[in-house]
Amino acid sequence: MSGSAGRAGAPKPRRRRRHRRGRRLTTVDETSAGGLVLDADREHAVLIGRLDRHGRLLWSLPKGHIEDGETVEQTAVREVKEETGISARVLRPLGTIDYWFVAQQRRVHKTVHHFLLESTGGALSDEDVEVTEVAWVRLAELETTLAYADERKLVRKAGELLAPDELA
């Protein structure tokens, strides 16, 4: 038999590594704030619904980018109002979530500061162009409604922070 195929110790064919051509993605850091907004009776929380790239409606906590001169608490209150129509006040910090994604040829590291907030007025509104729907959702249904595991974890933490008689 001629050739080296099949013989022990024969060199294996070398594979060429494929290198991506073009520019590397620029990495950017973004910081946002928002949170879990409870109604006055602490039986419901306001959520926003956004369509993903597959047309699915995904429910999440309201949040948005920090503007110059704002604290994270001020941003949370402003973003809740802009995205939901609900005025709120911060009760306490809930936690910080960070994650990575790619958008507009950039690799984004996003840090989101979440707060527990209480509604002080306003009416639900989905006028924000980034929001498809806005709804008050029963606290007992948040675990099955929220699209993101990190936000579900924050909801559980909120339940631990509030006294049992404060959270329905």
C-alpha atoms as a PDB file:
ATOM      1  CA  MET A   1       0.000   0.000   0.000  1.00  0.00           C
ATOM      2  CA  SER A   2       1.515   3.321  -0.954  1.00  0.00           C
ATOM      3  CA  GLY A   3       1.094   6.663   0.782  1.00  0.00           C
ATOM      4  CA  SER A   4       0.898   7.402   4.434  1.00  0.00           C
ATOM      5  CA  ALA A   5      -2.851   7.198   5.000  1.00  0.00           C
ATOM      6  CA  GLY A   6      -3.709   4.654   7.630  1.00  0.00           C
ATOM      7  CA  ARG A   7      -0.179   4.060   8.877  1.00  0.00           C
ATOM      8  CA  ALA A   8       0.557   4.497  12.526  1.00  0.00           C
ATOM      9  CA  GLY A   9       2.683   7.540  13.167  1.00  0.00           C
ATOM     10  CA  ALA A  10       1.823   9.149   9.838  1.00  0.00           C
ATOM     11  CA  PRO A  11       1.541  12.930   9.990  1.00  0.00           C
ATOM     12  CA  LYS A  12      -2.002  14.266  10.136  1.00  0.00           C
ATOM     13  CA  PRO A  13      -3.083  16.834   7.606  1.00  0.00           C
ATOM     14  CA  ARG A  14      -2.776  20.372   8.934  1.00  0.00           C
ATOM     15  CA  ARG A  15      -5.915  22.401   9.250  1.00  0.00           C
ATOM     16  CA  ARG A  16      -5.823  26.037   8.391  1.00  0.00           C
ATOM     17  CA  ARG A  17      -7.088  28.385  11.016  1.00  0.00           C
ATOM     18  CA  ARG A  18      -9.672  30.753   9.763  1.00  0.00           C
ATOM     19  CA  HIS A  19      -9.070  34.313  10.764  1.00  0.00           C
ATOM     20  CA  ARG A  20     -11.880  36.795  10.640  1.00  0.00           C
ATOM     21  CA  ARG A  21     -11.118  39.658   8.416  1.00  0.00           C
ATOM     22  CA  GLY A  22     -12.092  43.157   9.355  1.00  0.00           C
ATOM     23  CA  ARG A  23     -12.044  45.257  12.451  1.00  0.00           C
ATOM     24  CA  ARG A  24     -12.319  43.964  15.969  1.00  0.00           C
ATOM     25  CA  LEU A  25     -15.401  45.086  17.842  1.00  0.00           C
ATOM     26  CA  THR A  26     -14.968  48.119  20.045  1.00  0.00           C
ATOM     27  CA  THR A  27     -15.777  47.403  23.678  1.00  0.00           C
ATOM     28  CA  VAL A  28     -17.824  50.018  25.523  1.00  0.00           C
ATOM     29  CA  ASP A  29     -19.150  50.273  29.070  1.00  0.00           C
ATOM     30  CA  GLU A  30     -22.707  51.463  29.660  1.00  0.00           C
ATOM     31  CA  THR A  31     -24.429  52.162  32.965  1.00  0.00           C
ATOM     32  CA  SER A  32     -28.187  52.228  33.519  1.00  0.00           C
ATOM     33  CA  ALA A  33     -30.605  52.357  36.432  1.00  0.00           C
ATOM     34  CA  GLY A  34     -34.185  51.328  37.096  1.00  0.00           C
ATOM     35  CA  GLY A  35     -35.995  48.871  39.248  1.00  0.00           C
ATOM     36  CA  LEU A  36     -38.996  47.132  40.690  1.00  0.00           C
ATOM     37  CA  VAL A  37     -41.891  49.566  41.166  1.00  0.00           C
ATOM     38  CA  LEU A  38     -44.599  48.496  43.612  1.00  0.00           C
ATOM     39  CA  ASP A  39     -48.120  49.908  43.704  1.00  0.00           C
ATOM     40  CA  ALA A  40     -49.382  51.582  46.892  1.00  0.00           C
ATOM     41  CA  ASP A  41     -50.922  48.305  48.114  1.00  0.00           C
ATOM     42  CA  ARG A  42     -47.701  46.401  47.316  1.00  0.00           C
ATOM     43  CA  GLU A  43     -49.681  43.773  45.425  1.00  0.00           C
ATOM     44  CA  HIS A  44     -48.523  44.624  41.891  1.00  0.00           C
ATOM     45  CA  ALA A  45     -45.362  45.751  40.111  1.00  0.00           C
ATOM     46  CA  VAL A  46     -45.125  47.663  36.856  1.00  0.00           C
ATOM     47  CA  LEU A  47     -43.338  45.919  33.965  1.00  0.00           C
ATOM     48  CA  ILE A  48     -42.460  46.968  30.441  1.00  0.00           C
ATOM     49  CA  GLY A  49     -42.775  44.749  27.392  1.00  0.00           C
ATOM     50  CA  ARG A  50     -40.378  45.014  24.453  1.00  0.00           C
ATOM     51  CA  LEU A  51     -40.281  42.999  21.251  1.00  0.00           C
ATOM     52  CA  ASP A  52     -37.100  41.012  20.673  1.00  0.00           C
ATOM     53  CA  ARG A  53     -35.620  40.476  17.200  1.00  0.00           C
ATOM     54  CA  HIS A  54     -37.884  37.436  16.745  1.00  0.00           C
ATOM     55  CA  GLY A  55     -41.035  39.432  17.475  1.00  0.00           C
ATOM     56  CA  ARG A  56     -41.573  37.938  20.945  1.00  0.00           C
ATOM     57  CA  LEU A  57     -42.830  40.215  23.705  1.00  0.00           C
ATOM     58  CA  LEU A  58     -40.370  40.074  26.624  1.00  0.00           C
ATOM     59  CA  TRP A  59     -41.357  41.555  29.982  1.00  0.00           C
ATOM     60  CA  SER A  60     -38.726  43.281  32.111  1.00  0.00           C
ATOM     61  CA  LEU A  61     -38.161  45.907  34.772  1.00  0.00           C
ATOM     62  CA  PRO A  62     -38.015  49.518  33.541  1.00  0.00           C
ATOM     63  CA  LYS A  63     -34.511  50.958  33.243  1.00  0.00           C
ATOM     64  CA  GLY A  64     -32.410  53.317  31.156  1.00  0.00           C
ATOM     65  CA  HIS A  65     -29.172  55.209  30.679  1.00  0.00           C
ATOM     66  CA  ILE A  66     -27.806  57.698  33.165  1.00  0.00           C
ATOM     67  CA  GLU A  67     -27.770  61.296  31.937  1.00  0.00           C
ATOM     68  CA  ASP A  68     -25.009  63.770  32.777  1.00  0.00           C
ATOM     69  CA  GLY A  69     -25.204  64.996  36.357  1.00  0.00           C
ATOM     70  CA  GLU A  70     -27.710  62.348  37.501  1.00  0.00           C
ATOM     71  CA  THR A  71     -27.299  59.936  40.362  1.00  0.00           C
ATOM     72  CA  VAL A  72     -28.342  56.326  39.791  1.00  0.00           C
ATOM     73  CA  GLU A  73     -31.378  56.931  42.038  1.00  0.00           C
ATOM     74  CA  GLN A  74     -32.451  59.956  39.979  1.00  0.00           C
ATOM     75  CA  THR A  75     -32.026  57.936  36.801  1.00  0.00           C
ATOM     76  CA  ALA A  76     -34.176  55.110  38.150  1.00  0.00           C
ATOM     77  CA  VAL A  77     -37.012  57.513  39.019  1.00  0.00           C
ATOM     78  CA  ARG A  78     -36.776  59.347  35.666  1.00  0.00           C
ATOM     79  CA  GLU A  79     -36.625  56.169  33.578  1.00  0.00           C
ATOM     80  CA  VAL A  80     -39.593  54.620  35.393  1.00  0.00           C
ATOM     81  CA  LYS A  81     -41.624  57.762  34.612  1.00  0.00           C
ATOM     82  CA  GLU A  82     -40.482  57.901  30.967  1.00  0.00           C
ATOM     83  CA  GLU A  83     -41.055  54.224  30.222  1.00  0.00           C
ATOM     84  CA  THR A  84     -44.213  53.576  32.249  1.00  0.00           C
ATOM     85  CA  GLY A  85     -45.924  56.893  33.051  1.00  0.00           C
ATOM     86  CA  ILE A  86     -45.655  56.063  36.770  1.00  0.00           C
ATOM     87  CA  SER A  87     -44.061  58.467  39.267  1.00  0.00           C
ATOM     88  CA  ALA A  88     -42.110  56.685  41.981  1.00  0.00           C
ATOM     89  CA  ARG A  89     -39.757  57.132  44.888  1.00  0.00           C
ATOM     90  CA  VAL A  90     -36.769  54.971  45.775  1.00  0.00           C
ATOM     91  CA  LEU A  91     -37.212  52.814  48.882  1.00  0.00           C
ATOM     92  CA  ARG A  92     -33.853  51.021  48.852  1.00  0.00           C
ATOM     93  CA  PRO A  93     -31.210  49.486  46.561  1.00  0.00           C
ATOM     94  CA  LEU A  94     -32.004  46.007  45.228  1.00  0.00           C
ATOM     95  CA  GLY A  95     -28.776  45.072  43.513  1.00  0.00           C
ATOM     96  CA  THR A  96     -26.652  45.433  40.412  1.00  0.00           C
ATOM     97  CA  ILE A  97     -26.723  43.268  37.299  1.00  0.00           C
ATOM     98  CA  ASP A  98     -24.031  43.287  34.651  1.00  0.00           C
ATOM     99  CA  TYR A  99     -24.025  41.530  31.296  1.00  0.00           C
ATOM    100  CA  TRP A 100     -22.488  41.607  27.819  1.00  0.00           C
ATOM    101  CA  PHE A 101     -24.086  41.928  24.389  1.00  0.00           C
ATOM    102  CA  VAL A 102     -23.205  42.995  20.848  1.00  0.00           C
ATOM    103  CA  ALA A 103     -25.043  45.867  19.156  1.00  0.00           C
ATOM    104  CA  GLN A 104     -24.185  48.261  16.336  1.00  0.00           C
ATOM    105  CA  GLN A 105     -20.767  46.691  15.776  1.00  0.00           C
ATOM    106  CA  ARG A 106     -19.875  47.198  19.439  1.00  0.00           C
ATOM    107  CA  ARG A 107     -19.316  44.784  22.300  1.00  0.00           C
ATOM    108  CA  VAL A 108     -21.199  46.306  25.238  1.00  0.00           C
ATOM    109  CA  HIS A 109     -20.588  45.663  28.926  1.00  0.00           C
ATOM    110  CA  LYS A 110     -23.723  46.936  30.654  1.00  0.00           C
ATOM    111  CA  THR A 111     -24.114  47.557  34.380  1.00  0.00           C
ATOM    112  CA  VAL A 112     -27.650  48.161  35.667  1.00  0.00           C
ATOM    113  CA  HIS A 113     -28.329  49.501  39.172  1.00  0.00           C
ATOM    114  CA  HIS A 114     -31.741  48.299  40.379  1.00  0.00           C
ATOM    115  CA  PHE A 115     -33.817  49.808  43.155  1.00  0.00           C
ATOM    116  CA  LEU A 116     -36.997  48.928  44.967  1.00  0.00           C
ATOM    117  CA  LEU A 117     -39.404  51.801  44.281  1.00  0.00           C
ATOM    118  CA  GLU A 118     -42.914  52.710  45.363  1.00  0.00           C
ATOM    119  CA  SER A 119     -45.468  54.322  43.057  1.00  0.00           C
ATOM    120  CA  THR A 120     -46.459  57.861  44.044  1.00  0.00           C
ATOM    121  CA  GLY A 121     -48.884  58.535  41.181  1.00  0.00           C
ATOM    122  CA  GLY A 122     -49.288  58.723  37.440  1.00  0.00           C
ATOM    123  CA  ALA A 123     -51.055  56.458  34.982  1.00  0.00           C
ATOM    124  CA  LEU A 124     -49.694  53.634  32.836  1.00  0.00           C
ATOM    125  CA  SER A 125     -48.440  54.865  29.475  1.00  0.00           C
ATOM    126  CA  ASP A 126     -46.524  53.096  26.705  1.00  0.00           C
ATOM    127  CA  GLU A 127     -45.721  56.294  24.793  1.00  0.00           C
ATOM    128  CA  ASP A 128     -41.964  55.648  25.038  1.00  0.00           C
ATOM    129  CA  VAL A 129     -40.832  54.452  21.595  1.00  0.00           C
ATOM    130  CA  GLU A 130     -38.648  51.759  23.176  1.00  0.00           C
ATOM    131  CA  VAL A 131     -41.612  50.177  24.983  1.00  0.00           C
ATOM    132  CA  THR A 132     -44.323  48.062  23.343  1.00  0.00           C
ATOM    133  CA  GLU A 133     -46.551  47.487  26.388  1.00  0.00           C
ATOM    134  CA  VAL A 134     -46.748  48.475  30.046  1.00  0.00           C
ATOM    135  CA  ALA A 135     -48.691  46.581  32.707  1.00  0.00           C
ATOM    136  CA  TRP A 136     -49.252  46.164  36.419  1.00  0.00           C
ATOM    137  CA  VAL A 137     -48.521  42.511  37.195  1.00  0.00           C
ATOM    138  CA  ARG A 138     -49.424  40.690  40.411  1.00  0.00           C
ATOM    139  CA  LEU A 139     -46.309  40.078  42.517  1.00  0.00           C
ATOM    140  CA  ALA A 140     -47.139  36.370  42.620  1.00  0.00           C
ATOM    141  CA  GLU A 141     -46.906  36.284  38.792  1.00  0.00           C
ATOM    142  CA  LEU A 142     -43.568  38.077  38.386  1.00  0.00           C
ATOM    143  CA  GLU A 143     -41.499  34.871  38.503  1.00  0.00           C
ATOM    144  CA  THR A 144     -43.334  33.473  35.471  1.00  0.00           C
ATOM    145  CA  THR A 145     -43.714  36.794  33.631  1.00  0.00           C
ATOM    146  CA  LEU A 146     -40.219  38.312  33.754  1.00  0.00           C
ATOM    147  CA  ALA A 147     -38.069  37.214  30.813  1.00  0.00           C
ATOM    148  CA  TYR A 148     -34.669  37.479  32.501  1.00  0.00           C
ATOM    149  CA  ALA A 149     -33.385  35.254  35.306  1.00  0.00           C
ATOM    150  CA  ASP A 150     -31.320  38.052  36.892  1.00  0.00           C
ATOM    151  CA  GLU A 151     -34.436  40.194  37.253  1.00  0.00           C
ATOM    152  CA  ARG A 152     -36.399  37.282  38.740  1.00  0.00           C
ATOM    153  CA  LYS A 153     -33.603  36.965  41.302  1.00  0.00           C
ATOM    154  CA  LEU A 154     -33.987  40.661  42.200  1.00  0.00           C
ATOM    155  CA  VAL A 155     -37.730  40.155  42.715  1.00  0.00           C
ATOM    156  CA  ARG A 156     -36.985  37.339  45.172  1.00  0.00           C
ATOM    157  CA  LYS A 157     -34.534  39.648  46.973  1.00  0.00           C
ATOM    158  CA  ALA A 158     -37.226  42.348  47.196  1.00  0.00           C
ATOM    159  CA  GLY A 159     -39.485  39.829  48.898  1.00  0.00           C
ATOM    160  CA  GLU A 160     -36.762  39.167  51.466  1.00  0.00           C
ATOM    161  CA  LEU A 161     -36.129  42.889  52.071  1.00  0.00           C
ATOM    162  CA  LEU A 162     -39.741  43.736  52.802  1.00  0.00           C
ATOM    163  CA  ALA A 163     -41.406  42.487  55.946  1.00  0.00           C
ATOM    164  CA  PRO A 164     -43.809  39.610  55.182  1.00  0.00           C
ATOM    165  CA  ASP A 165     -46.794  41.799  56.014  1.00  0.00           C
ATOM    166  CA  GLU A 166     -45.559  44.466  53.564  1.00  0.00           C
ATOM    167  CA  LEU A 167     -45.392  42.165  50.526  1.00  0.00           C
ATOM    168  CA  ALA A 168     -48.601  40.490  49.403  1.00  0.00           C
END
